[in-house]
Amino acid sequence: MLKLGAWMDIKDLYRQGHSIRAIIELTGHARNTVRRVLREQTPRPPKKRERASRLDPYKPYLERRYAECALSAVRLLEEIKAMGYAGGIDVVRRFIRSLTPQARAQAKMTVRFETPPGEQAQADWASCGHETDEAGRRRAVYAFVMVLSYSRMLYVEFTHSMALTELIRCHQRAFEFFGGWPRGCVAKIE
């Protein structure tokens, strides 16, 4: 499986005008891999392996018992050990923690927001305290942060002002750093 960074490197080299043969020599990837990446609009998501657990046969029992009495993981471990479970307490604790209403509610509230490449960037300011300049004056220090939503590529710049002119200059330097600009920018407003 090709990692995201390698996928982006191949795309960038092609955009810079390198031939497929040159990309093969520069990256060390096979010709078919380079051709496949150049045909793809977005990288393939990584495959998640489903792993079997020693706890799998006991999960329905644990769910039922926890729903009935909300027993601790230690008590439930004793019960399933009597049934033949050979694993440890940590696995049982993690599973029981996933059964709590708060954990289920948190899982439902968390929604991953995916954007295609080049679609969106997110920008924000952060206060970084103060510094003393050469003249002995205290000056505020701010960090301008921009993140490309798809690749999570990050740009950070420190400034002494959050004025509109500085904001525009920071955006311009971020776009120069990224080598282009997205279709839209989202700013956090409080």
N, C-alpha and C. Protein backbone atom coordinates (compact mmCIF):
# COMPACT_ATOMS: atom_id res chain seq x y z
N MET A 1 0.84 -1.18 0.00
CA MET A 1 0.00 0.00 0.00
C MET A 1 0.88 1.24 0.00
N LEU A 2 0.60 2.15 -0.87
CA LEU A 2 1.37 3.38 -1.01
C LEU A 2 0.93 4.39 0.04
N LYS A 3 1.88 4.99 0.74
CA LYS A 3 1.54 5.98 1.76
C LYS A 3 1.14 7.29 1.10
N LEU A 4 0.40 8.12 1.85
CA LEU A 4 -0.12 9.37 1.32
C LEU A 4 1.00 10.29 0.84
N GLY A 5 2.09 10.37 1.60
CA GLY A 5 3.21 11.25 1.21
C GLY A 5 3.80 10.85 -0.13
N ALA A 6 3.99 9.55 -0.35
CA ALA A 6 4.53 9.07 -1.62
C ALA A 6 3.55 9.34 -2.75
N TRP A 7 2.25 9.17 -2.47
CA TRP A 7 1.22 9.45 -3.47
C TRP A 7 1.29 10.92 -3.91
N MET A 8 1.42 11.81 -2.90
CA MET A 8 1.47 13.25 -3.20
C MET A 8 2.77 13.60 -3.93
N ASP A 9 3.89 12.95 -3.58
CA ASP A 9 5.16 13.21 -4.26
C ASP A 9 5.06 12.89 -5.75
N ILE A 10 4.44 11.77 -6.07
CA ILE A 10 4.30 11.37 -7.48
C ILE A 10 3.44 12.40 -8.22
N LYS A 11 2.32 12.80 -7.60
CA LYS A 11 1.45 13.80 -8.23
C LYS A 11 2.20 15.13 -8.44
N ASP A 12 2.96 15.55 -7.41
CA ASP A 12 3.69 16.82 -7.50
C ASP A 12 4.77 16.76 -8.59
N LEU A 13 5.50 15.66 -8.66
CA LEU A 13 6.53 15.54 -9.69
C LEU A 13 5.91 15.59 -11.08
N TYR A 14 4.75 14.97 -11.26
CA TYR A 14 4.08 15.00 -12.56
C TYR A 14 3.61 16.42 -12.90
N ARG A 15 3.06 17.13 -11.88
CA ARG A 15 2.63 18.52 -12.10
C ARG A 15 3.81 19.42 -12.45
N GLN A 16 4.99 19.09 -11.95
CA GLN A 16 6.18 19.89 -12.24
C GLN A 16 6.72 19.62 -13.63
N GLY A 17 6.14 18.63 -14.32
CA GLY A 17 6.52 18.37 -15.70
C GLY A 17 7.44 17.18 -15.89
N HIS A 18 7.72 16.41 -14.86
CA HIS A 18 8.57 15.23 -14.99
C HIS A 18 7.83 14.13 -15.75
N SER A 19 8.58 13.39 -16.54
CA SER A 19 7.98 12.27 -17.26
C SER A 19 7.78 11.10 -16.30
N ILE A 20 7.01 10.11 -16.74
CA ILE A 20 6.78 8.93 -15.92
C ILE A 20 8.10 8.22 -15.64
N ARG A 21 8.95 8.13 -16.63
CA ARG A 21 10.26 7.48 -16.44
C ARG A 21 11.09 8.24 -15.41
N ALA A 22 11.07 9.56 -15.45
CA ALA A 22 11.83 10.35 -14.48
C ALA A 22 11.27 10.17 -13.07
N ILE A 23 9.94 10.10 -12.96
CA ILE A 23 9.31 9.90 -11.65
C ILE A 23 9.70 8.53 -11.09
N ILE A 24 9.76 7.52 -11.95
CA ILE A 24 10.16 6.18 -11.52
C ILE A 24 11.58 6.22 -10.97
N GLU A 25 12.48 6.91 -11.67
CA GLU A 25 13.87 6.99 -11.21
C GLU A 25 14.00 7.80 -9.93
N LEU A 26 13.22 8.87 -9.80
CA LEU A 26 13.31 9.73 -8.61
C LEU A 26 12.70 9.08 -7.37
N THR A 27 11.62 8.36 -7.54
CA THR A 27 10.92 7.81 -6.38
C THR A 27 11.25 6.35 -6.09
N GLY A 28 11.68 5.62 -7.12
CA GLY A 28 11.98 4.20 -6.92
C GLY A 28 10.75 3.31 -6.97
N HIS A 29 9.60 3.87 -7.33
CA HIS A 29 8.37 3.07 -7.42
C HIS A 29 8.28 2.42 -8.80
N ALA A 30 7.53 1.34 -8.88
CA ALA A 30 7.34 0.62 -10.13
C ALA A 30 6.51 1.44 -11.11
N ARG A 31 6.69 1.16 -12.40
CA ARG A 31 5.97 1.89 -13.44
C ARG A 31 4.46 1.79 -13.26
N ASN A 32 3.97 0.58 -12.96
CA ASN A 32 2.52 0.39 -12.78
C ASN A 32 2.00 1.21 -11.60
N THR A 33 2.80 1.31 -10.54
CA THR A 33 2.39 2.11 -9.37
C THR A 33 2.29 3.58 -9.75
N VAL A 34 3.27 4.09 -10.46
CA VAL A 34 3.26 5.50 -10.86
C VAL A 34 2.07 5.76 -11.79
N ARG A 35 1.84 4.90 -12.75
CA ARG A 35 0.71 5.09 -13.67
C ARG A 35 -0.63 5.04 -12.93
N ARG A 36 -0.76 4.11 -11.97
CA ARG A 36 -2.00 4.01 -11.20
C ARG A 36 -2.24 5.28 -10.39
N VAL A 37 -1.20 5.82 -9.77
CA VAL A 37 -1.33 7.04 -8.97
C VAL A 37 -1.74 8.20 -9.86
N LEU A 38 -1.16 8.30 -11.03
CA LEU A 38 -1.50 9.41 -11.93
C LEU A 38 -2.93 9.31 -12.46
N ARG A 39 -3.49 8.10 -12.53
CA ARG A 39 -4.88 7.93 -12.96
C ARG A 39 -5.87 8.24 -11.83
N GLU A 40 -5.46 8.05 -10.59
CA GLU A 40 -6.37 8.23 -9.46
C GLU A 40 -6.62 9.71 -9.18
N GLN A 41 -7.87 10.03 -8.84
CA GLN A 41 -8.21 11.40 -8.44
C GLN A 41 -7.86 11.62 -6.97
N THR A 42 -8.07 10.60 -6.15
CA THR A 42 -7.74 10.66 -4.72
C THR A 42 -7.05 9.37 -4.34
N PRO A 43 -6.22 9.40 -3.30
CA PRO A 43 -5.53 8.16 -2.91
C PRO A 43 -6.50 7.14 -2.34
N ARG A 44 -6.13 5.88 -2.46
CA ARG A 44 -6.96 4.81 -1.91
C ARG A 44 -6.90 4.86 -0.39
N PRO A 45 -8.04 4.70 0.27
CA PRO A 45 -8.01 4.66 1.73
C PRO A 45 -7.31 3.39 2.20
N PRO A 46 -6.57 3.48 3.31
CA PRO A 46 -5.89 2.28 3.79
C PRO A 46 -6.89 1.21 4.21
N LYS A 47 -6.52 -0.03 3.98
CA LYS A 47 -7.39 -1.15 4.35
C LYS A 47 -7.21 -1.42 5.84
N LYS A 48 -8.34 -1.54 6.54
CA LYS A 48 -8.29 -1.84 7.96
C LYS A 48 -8.48 -3.34 8.13
N ARG A 49 -7.57 -3.94 8.87
CA ARG A 49 -7.67 -5.37 9.12
C ARG A 49 -8.55 -5.60 10.33
N GLU A 50 -9.48 -6.50 10.17
CA GLU A 50 -10.30 -6.94 11.30
C GLU A 50 -9.54 -8.05 12.00
N ARG A 51 -9.26 -7.86 13.26
CA ARG A 51 -8.54 -8.86 14.01
C ARG A 51 -9.48 -9.56 14.98
N ALA A 52 -9.32 -10.84 15.05
CA ALA A 52 -10.11 -11.61 16.00
C ALA A 52 -9.53 -11.41 17.40
N SER A 53 -10.39 -11.42 18.38
CA SER A 53 -9.98 -11.24 19.76
C SER A 53 -10.42 -12.45 20.56
N ARG A 54 -9.66 -12.74 21.61
CA ARG A 54 -10.07 -13.82 22.51
C ARG A 54 -11.41 -13.50 23.16
N LEU A 55 -11.73 -12.21 23.21
CA LEU A 55 -12.95 -11.78 23.88
C LEU A 55 -14.19 -11.93 23.00
N ASP A 56 -14.01 -12.06 21.69
CA ASP A 56 -15.15 -12.10 20.77
C ASP A 56 -16.27 -13.06 21.17
N PRO A 57 -15.97 -14.30 21.55
CA PRO A 57 -17.07 -15.21 21.91
C PRO A 57 -17.83 -14.78 23.17
N TYR A 58 -17.22 -13.92 23.98
CA TYR A 58 -17.82 -13.53 25.26
C TYR A 58 -18.50 -12.16 25.21
N LYS A 59 -18.36 -11.46 24.11
CA LYS A 59 -18.91 -10.10 24.02
C LYS A 59 -20.42 -10.05 24.20
N PRO A 60 -21.19 -10.91 23.55
CA PRO A 60 -22.64 -10.85 23.78
C PRO A 60 -23.00 -11.05 25.26
N TYR A 61 -22.32 -11.98 25.92
CA TYR A 61 -22.57 -12.21 27.34
C TYR A 61 -22.22 -10.97 28.15
N LEU A 62 -21.06 -10.36 27.86
CA LEU A 62 -20.64 -9.17 28.60
C LEU A 62 -21.62 -8.01 28.39
N GLU A 63 -22.08 -7.84 27.16
CA GLU A 63 -23.04 -6.77 26.89
C GLU A 63 -24.32 -6.96 27.69
N ARG A 64 -24.82 -8.21 27.70
CA ARG A 64 -26.05 -8.49 28.43
C ARG A 64 -25.87 -8.29 29.92
N ARG A 65 -24.77 -8.82 30.48
CA ARG A 65 -24.54 -8.70 31.92
C ARG A 65 -24.30 -7.24 32.33
N TYR A 66 -23.58 -6.49 31.50
CA TYR A 66 -23.32 -5.09 31.84
C TYR A 66 -24.62 -4.28 31.77
N ALA A 67 -25.48 -4.60 30.81
CA ALA A 67 -26.77 -3.90 30.70
C ALA A 67 -27.67 -4.22 31.89
N GLU A 68 -27.59 -5.45 32.39
CA GLU A 68 -28.41 -5.85 33.54
C GLU A 68 -27.97 -5.20 34.84
N CYS A 69 -26.67 -5.25 35.14
CA CYS A 69 -26.21 -4.82 36.47
C CYS A 69 -25.06 -3.83 36.48
N ALA A 70 -24.49 -3.49 35.35
CA ALA A 70 -23.34 -2.57 35.29
C ALA A 70 -22.23 -3.03 36.23
N LEU A 71 -21.88 -4.29 36.13
CA LEU A 71 -20.81 -4.84 36.96
C LEU A 71 -19.46 -4.29 36.53
N SER A 72 -18.49 -4.34 37.42
CA SER A 72 -17.14 -3.88 37.10
C SER A 72 -16.46 -4.90 36.19
N ALA A 73 -15.40 -4.45 35.55
CA ALA A 73 -14.64 -5.34 34.67
C ALA A 73 -14.04 -6.49 35.45
N VAL A 74 -13.65 -6.26 36.71
CA VAL A 74 -13.07 -7.32 37.53
C VAL A 74 -14.09 -8.43 37.77
N ARG A 75 -15.31 -8.04 38.12
CA ARG A 75 -16.38 -9.04 38.36
C ARG A 75 -16.72 -9.79 37.08
N LEU A 76 -16.82 -9.05 35.97
CA LEU A 76 -17.16 -9.70 34.70
C LEU A 76 -16.04 -10.63 34.25
N LEU A 77 -14.80 -10.26 34.53
CA LEU A 77 -13.67 -11.12 34.19
C LEU A 77 -13.78 -12.45 34.93
N GLU A 78 -14.13 -12.39 36.21
CA GLU A 78 -14.29 -13.63 36.99
C GLU A 78 -15.34 -14.54 36.34
N GLU A 79 -16.43 -13.94 35.89
CA GLU A 79 -17.51 -14.73 35.30
C GLU A 79 -17.09 -15.39 33.99
N ILE A 80 -16.41 -14.62 33.12
CA ILE A 80 -16.05 -15.22 31.83
C ILE A 80 -14.85 -16.14 31.94
N LYS A 81 -14.01 -15.95 32.96
CA LYS A 81 -12.91 -16.91 33.18
C LYS A 81 -13.50 -18.28 33.53
N ALA A 82 -14.58 -18.27 34.30
CA ALA A 82 -15.25 -19.53 34.64
C ALA A 82 -15.83 -20.20 33.40
N MET A 83 -16.08 -19.37 32.36
CA MET A 83 -16.63 -19.90 31.11
C MET A 83 -15.52 -20.33 30.13
N GLY A 84 -14.25 -20.05 30.49
CA GLY A 84 -13.14 -20.48 29.63
C GLY A 84 -12.31 -19.36 29.04
N TYR A 85 -12.59 -18.10 29.35
CA TYR A 85 -11.81 -16.97 28.81
C TYR A 85 -10.39 -17.03 29.35
N ALA A 86 -9.39 -16.86 28.47
CA ALA A 86 -7.99 -16.96 28.88
C ALA A 86 -7.25 -15.64 28.77
N GLY A 87 -7.94 -14.54 28.46
CA GLY A 87 -7.28 -13.25 28.28
C GLY A 87 -7.16 -12.47 29.58
N GLY A 88 -6.72 -11.22 29.45
CA GLY A 88 -6.47 -10.38 30.61
C GLY A 88 -7.57 -9.37 30.87
N ILE A 89 -7.39 -8.64 31.96
CA ILE A 89 -8.37 -7.66 32.43
C ILE A 89 -8.42 -6.42 31.53
N ASP A 90 -7.29 -6.02 30.95
CA ASP A 90 -7.25 -4.79 30.16
C ASP A 90 -8.19 -4.86 28.96
N VAL A 91 -8.26 -5.99 28.31
CA VAL A 91 -9.15 -6.16 27.15
C VAL A 91 -10.60 -6.02 27.60
N VAL A 92 -10.92 -6.62 28.73
CA VAL A 92 -12.28 -6.55 29.26
C VAL A 92 -12.61 -5.10 29.64
N ARG A 93 -11.69 -4.42 30.27
CA ARG A 93 -11.92 -3.01 30.66
C ARG A 93 -12.20 -2.14 29.44
N ARG A 94 -11.38 -2.29 28.39
CA ARG A 94 -11.60 -1.49 27.18
C ARG A 94 -12.97 -1.76 26.58
N PHE A 95 -13.36 -3.03 26.56
CA PHE A 95 -14.66 -3.37 25.99
C PHE A 95 -15.78 -2.80 26.84
N ILE A 96 -15.70 -2.91 28.15
CA ILE A 96 -16.73 -2.38 29.05
C ILE A 96 -16.82 -0.86 28.92
N ARG A 97 -15.68 -0.21 28.78
CA ARG A 97 -15.67 1.24 28.61
C ARG A 97 -16.42 1.65 27.35
N SER A 98 -16.33 0.82 26.31
CA SER A 98 -17.05 1.14 25.06
C SER A 98 -18.55 0.97 25.22
N LEU A 99 -18.99 0.28 26.25
CA LEU A 99 -20.42 0.05 26.46
C LEU A 99 -21.09 1.17 27.24
N THR A 100 -20.33 2.03 27.87
CA THR A 100 -20.94 3.09 28.69
C THR A 100 -21.69 4.05 27.79
N PRO A 101 -22.82 4.57 28.27
CA PRO A 101 -23.61 5.50 27.45
C PRO A 101 -22.81 6.73 27.01
N GLN A 102 -21.93 7.22 27.87
CA GLN A 102 -21.14 8.40 27.52
C GLN A 102 -20.21 8.10 26.34
N ALA A 103 -19.59 6.93 26.34
CA ALA A 103 -18.70 6.56 25.24
C ALA A 103 -19.48 6.42 23.94
N ARG A 104 -20.68 5.82 24.02
CA ARG A 104 -21.50 5.68 22.81
C ARG A 104 -21.94 7.04 22.29
N ALA A 105 -22.33 7.93 23.21
CA ALA A 105 -22.76 9.27 22.80
C ALA A 105 -21.60 10.03 22.18
N GLN A 106 -20.42 9.90 22.76
CA GLN A 106 -19.23 10.58 22.22
C GLN A 106 -18.92 10.07 20.82
N ALA A 107 -19.03 8.77 20.61
CA ALA A 107 -18.76 8.20 19.29
C ALA A 107 -19.74 8.72 18.25
N LYS A 108 -21.01 8.91 18.66
CA LYS A 108 -22.01 9.43 17.72
C LYS A 108 -21.79 10.90 17.42
N MET A 109 -21.27 11.66 18.40
CA MET A 109 -21.07 13.10 18.20
C MET A 109 -19.85 13.40 17.34
N THR A 110 -18.89 12.51 17.30
CA THR A 110 -17.68 12.74 16.54
C THR A 110 -17.92 12.33 15.09
N VAL A 111 -17.89 13.31 14.20
CA VAL A 111 -18.09 13.04 12.79
C VAL A 111 -16.85 13.53 12.04
N ARG A 112 -16.22 12.64 11.34
CA ARG A 112 -15.03 13.01 10.58
C ARG A 112 -15.48 13.69 9.30
N PHE A 113 -14.92 14.86 9.04
CA PHE A 113 -15.29 15.64 7.87
C PHE A 113 -14.16 15.53 6.85
N GLU A 114 -14.44 14.90 5.73
CA GLU A 114 -13.43 14.70 4.70
C GLU A 114 -13.68 15.64 3.53
N THR A 115 -12.60 16.20 3.00
CA THR A 115 -12.71 17.05 1.81
C THR A 115 -11.76 16.51 0.75
N PRO A 116 -12.10 16.71 -0.52
CA PRO A 116 -11.18 16.28 -1.57
C PRO A 116 -9.95 17.19 -1.63
N PRO A 117 -8.88 16.76 -2.30
CA PRO A 117 -7.68 17.58 -2.40
C PRO A 117 -7.97 18.93 -3.05
N GLY A 118 -7.37 19.98 -2.52
CA GLY A 118 -7.50 21.32 -3.09
C GLY A 118 -8.81 22.00 -2.80
N GLU A 119 -9.65 21.40 -1.99
CA GLU A 119 -10.98 21.96 -1.75
C GLU A 119 -11.00 23.00 -0.63
N GLN A 120 -10.29 22.75 0.47
CA GLN A 120 -10.47 23.61 1.62
C GLN A 120 -9.21 23.68 2.48
N ALA A 121 -9.02 24.86 3.09
CA ALA A 121 -7.99 25.07 4.11
C ALA A 121 -8.68 25.68 5.32
N GLN A 122 -8.09 25.49 6.48
CA GLN A 122 -8.62 26.07 7.71
C GLN A 122 -7.56 26.99 8.29
N ALA A 123 -7.98 28.18 8.71
CA ALA A 123 -7.04 29.17 9.23
C ALA A 123 -7.52 29.69 10.57
N ASP A 124 -6.58 30.05 11.43
CA ASP A 124 -6.93 30.58 12.74
C ASP A 124 -5.73 31.32 13.32
N TRP A 125 -6.00 32.14 14.32
CA TRP A 125 -4.97 32.83 15.09
C TRP A 125 -4.86 32.19 16.45
N ALA A 126 -3.68 32.25 17.05
CA ALA A 126 -3.48 31.79 18.43
C ALA A 126 -2.61 32.82 19.13
N SER A 127 -2.94 33.12 20.37
CA SER A 127 -2.13 34.03 21.17
C SER A 127 -0.99 33.24 21.80
N CYS A 128 0.23 33.76 21.68
CA CYS A 128 1.41 33.05 22.20
C CYS A 128 2.09 33.82 23.32
N GLY A 129 1.37 34.72 23.96
CA GLY A 129 1.96 35.47 25.07
C GLY A 129 2.61 36.75 24.61
N HIS A 130 3.67 37.15 25.31
CA HIS A 130 4.37 38.40 25.02
C HIS A 130 5.87 38.17 24.96
N GLU A 131 6.55 39.10 24.30
CA GLU A 131 8.01 39.11 24.28
C GLU A 131 8.47 40.55 24.50
N THR A 132 9.69 40.71 24.92
CA THR A 132 10.26 42.05 25.12
C THR A 132 11.20 42.32 23.95
N ASP A 133 10.98 43.45 23.25
CA ASP A 133 11.83 43.77 22.11
C ASP A 133 13.11 44.46 22.58
N GLU A 134 13.94 44.89 21.62
CA GLU A 134 15.24 45.51 21.92
C GLU A 134 15.10 46.78 22.75
N ALA A 135 13.99 47.50 22.58
CA ALA A 135 13.78 48.76 23.30
C ALA A 135 13.18 48.52 24.69
N GLY A 136 12.93 47.27 25.04
CA GLY A 136 12.39 46.97 26.36
C GLY A 136 10.86 47.00 26.43
N ARG A 137 10.18 47.14 25.28
CA ARG A 137 8.71 47.16 25.27
C ARG A 137 8.17 45.74 25.18
N ARG A 138 7.07 45.49 25.88
CA ARG A 138 6.39 44.19 25.78
C ARG A 138 5.48 44.21 24.57
N ARG A 139 5.62 43.19 23.74
CA ARG A 139 4.79 43.11 22.54
C ARG A 139 4.10 41.75 22.52
N ALA A 140 2.85 41.77 22.09
CA ALA A 140 2.09 40.53 21.97
C ALA A 140 2.62 39.72 20.80
N VAL A 141 2.58 38.41 20.93
CA VAL A 141 3.01 37.50 19.86
C VAL A 141 1.82 36.61 19.51
N TYR A 142 1.52 36.53 18.21
CA TYR A 142 0.41 35.72 17.72
C TYR A 142 0.95 34.71 16.70
N ALA A 143 0.27 33.61 16.59
CA ALA A 143 0.61 32.61 15.57
C ALA A 143 -0.55 32.52 14.59
N PHE A 144 -0.24 32.68 13.33
CA PHE A 144 -1.21 32.43 12.26
C PHE A 144 -0.99 30.98 11.83
N VAL A 145 -2.07 30.20 11.81
CA VAL A 145 -1.98 28.79 11.47
C VAL A 145 -2.95 28.49 10.33
N MET A 146 -2.44 27.80 9.30
CA MET A 146 -3.30 27.35 8.22
C MET A 146 -3.01 25.87 7.97
N VAL A 147 -4.08 25.08 7.85
CA VAL A 147 -3.98 23.64 7.62
C VAL A 147 -4.78 23.30 6.38
N LEU A 148 -4.17 22.54 5.46
CA LEU A 148 -4.91 22.04 4.31
C LEU A 148 -5.77 20.88 4.79
N SER A 149 -7.06 20.95 4.54
CA SER A 149 -8.01 19.99 5.10
C SER A 149 -7.76 18.56 4.62
N TYR A 150 -7.33 18.37 3.40
CA TYR A 150 -7.16 17.01 2.88
C TYR A 150 -5.85 16.38 3.37
N SER A 151 -4.73 17.07 3.15
CA SER A 151 -3.43 16.47 3.46
C SER A 151 -2.96 16.77 4.88
N ARG A 152 -3.62 17.71 5.56
CA ARG A 152 -3.24 18.16 6.91
C ARG A 152 -1.87 18.84 6.91
N MET A 153 -1.44 19.31 5.74
CA MET A 153 -0.19 20.05 5.65
C MET A 153 -0.36 21.36 6.42
N LEU A 154 0.65 21.75 7.18
CA LEU A 154 0.52 22.84 8.14
C LEU A 154 1.46 23.99 7.82
N TYR A 155 0.95 25.22 7.96
CA TYR A 155 1.77 26.43 7.83
C TYR A 155 1.56 27.25 9.10
N VAL A 156 2.66 27.67 9.74
CA VAL A 156 2.58 28.48 10.95
C VAL A 156 3.50 29.69 10.76
N GLU A 157 3.01 30.87 11.15
CA GLU A 157 3.81 32.09 11.09
C GLU A 157 3.53 32.93 12.33
N PHE A 158 4.58 33.45 12.94
CA PHE A 158 4.43 34.27 14.14
C PHE A 158 4.44 35.74 13.74
N THR A 159 3.53 36.52 14.35
CA THR A 159 3.41 37.95 14.05
C THR A 159 3.20 38.73 15.34
N HIS A 160 3.25 40.05 15.22
CA HIS A 160 2.97 40.92 16.36
C HIS A 160 1.62 41.61 16.22
N SER A 161 0.87 41.27 15.18
CA SER A 161 -0.40 41.93 14.93
C SER A 161 -1.39 40.94 14.31
N MET A 162 -2.67 41.17 14.59
CA MET A 162 -3.71 40.39 13.93
C MET A 162 -4.56 41.30 13.04
N ALA A 163 -3.98 42.40 12.60
CA ALA A 163 -4.70 43.35 11.74
C ALA A 163 -5.02 42.69 10.40
N LEU A 164 -6.00 43.24 9.70
CA LEU A 164 -6.45 42.69 8.43
C LEU A 164 -5.31 42.63 7.41
N THR A 165 -4.48 43.67 7.36
CA THR A 165 -3.36 43.67 6.39
C THR A 165 -2.40 42.53 6.70
N GLU A 166 -2.14 42.27 7.98
CA GLU A 166 -1.26 41.17 8.37
C GLU A 166 -1.90 39.82 8.04
N LEU A 167 -3.20 39.73 8.25
CA LEU A 167 -3.94 38.50 7.93
C LEU A 167 -3.82 38.18 6.43
N ILE A 168 -3.97 39.18 5.60
CA ILE A 168 -3.87 38.98 4.15
C ILE A 168 -2.45 38.57 3.77
N ARG A 169 -1.44 39.24 4.37
CA ARG A 169 -0.04 38.88 4.08
C ARG A 169 0.24 37.43 4.51
N CYS A 170 -0.29 37.03 5.67
CA CYS A 170 -0.08 35.65 6.15
C CYS A 170 -0.72 34.65 5.19
N HIS A 171 -1.91 34.96 4.70
CA HIS A 171 -2.55 34.08 3.72
C HIS A 171 -1.69 33.96 2.46
N GLN A 172 -1.19 35.10 1.97
CA GLN A 172 -0.38 35.07 0.75
C GLN A 172 0.88 34.23 0.94
N ARG A 173 1.55 34.38 2.09
CA ARG A 173 2.77 33.60 2.33
C ARG A 173 2.43 32.12 2.52
N ALA A 174 1.29 31.82 3.12
CA ALA A 174 0.88 30.41 3.26
C ALA A 174 0.63 29.80 1.88
N PHE A 175 -0.05 30.54 1.00
CA PHE A 175 -0.32 30.02 -0.34
C PHE A 175 0.99 29.83 -1.13
N GLU A 176 1.95 30.73 -0.92
CA GLU A 176 3.26 30.54 -1.56
C GLU A 176 3.92 29.28 -1.03
N PHE A 177 3.85 29.07 0.27
CA PHE A 177 4.43 27.89 0.90
C PHE A 177 3.80 26.61 0.36
N PHE A 178 2.46 26.59 0.22
CA PHE A 178 1.75 25.42 -0.26
C PHE A 178 1.90 25.24 -1.77
N GLY A 179 2.28 26.28 -2.47
CA GLY A 179 2.41 26.19 -3.92
C GLY A 179 1.08 26.32 -4.64
N GLY A 180 0.13 26.99 -4.02
CA GLY A 180 -1.19 27.18 -4.61
C GLY A 180 -2.18 27.50 -3.51
N TRP A 181 -3.46 27.58 -3.89
CA TRP A 181 -4.48 27.90 -2.88
C TRP A 181 -5.69 27.00 -3.09
N PRO A 182 -6.40 26.74 -2.01
CA PRO A 182 -7.58 25.89 -2.13
C PRO A 182 -8.78 26.68 -2.65
N ARG A 183 -9.87 25.98 -2.94
CA ARG A 183 -11.08 26.65 -3.40
C ARG A 183 -11.66 27.55 -2.32
N GLY A 184 -11.53 27.13 -1.07
CA GLY A 184 -12.10 27.92 0.02
C GLY A 184 -11.30 27.82 1.28
N CYS A 185 -11.44 28.82 2.15
CA CYS A 185 -10.79 28.84 3.45
C CYS A 185 -11.85 28.98 4.52
N VAL A 186 -11.68 28.23 5.59
CA VAL A 186 -12.60 28.30 6.72
C VAL A 186 -11.83 28.87 7.89
N ALA A 187 -12.41 29.88 8.53
CA ALA A 187 -11.78 30.49 9.70
C ALA A 187 -12.63 30.22 10.91
N LYS A 188 -11.98 29.98 12.04
CA LYS A 188 -12.71 29.77 13.28
C LYS A 188 -13.08 31.13 13.86
N ILE A 189 -14.36 31.34 14.08
CA ILE A 189 -14.83 32.63 14.59
C ILE A 189 -15.47 32.38 15.95
N GLU A 190 -15.02 33.12 16.93
CA GLU A 190 -15.59 32.97 18.28
C GLU A 190 -16.30 34.23 18.69
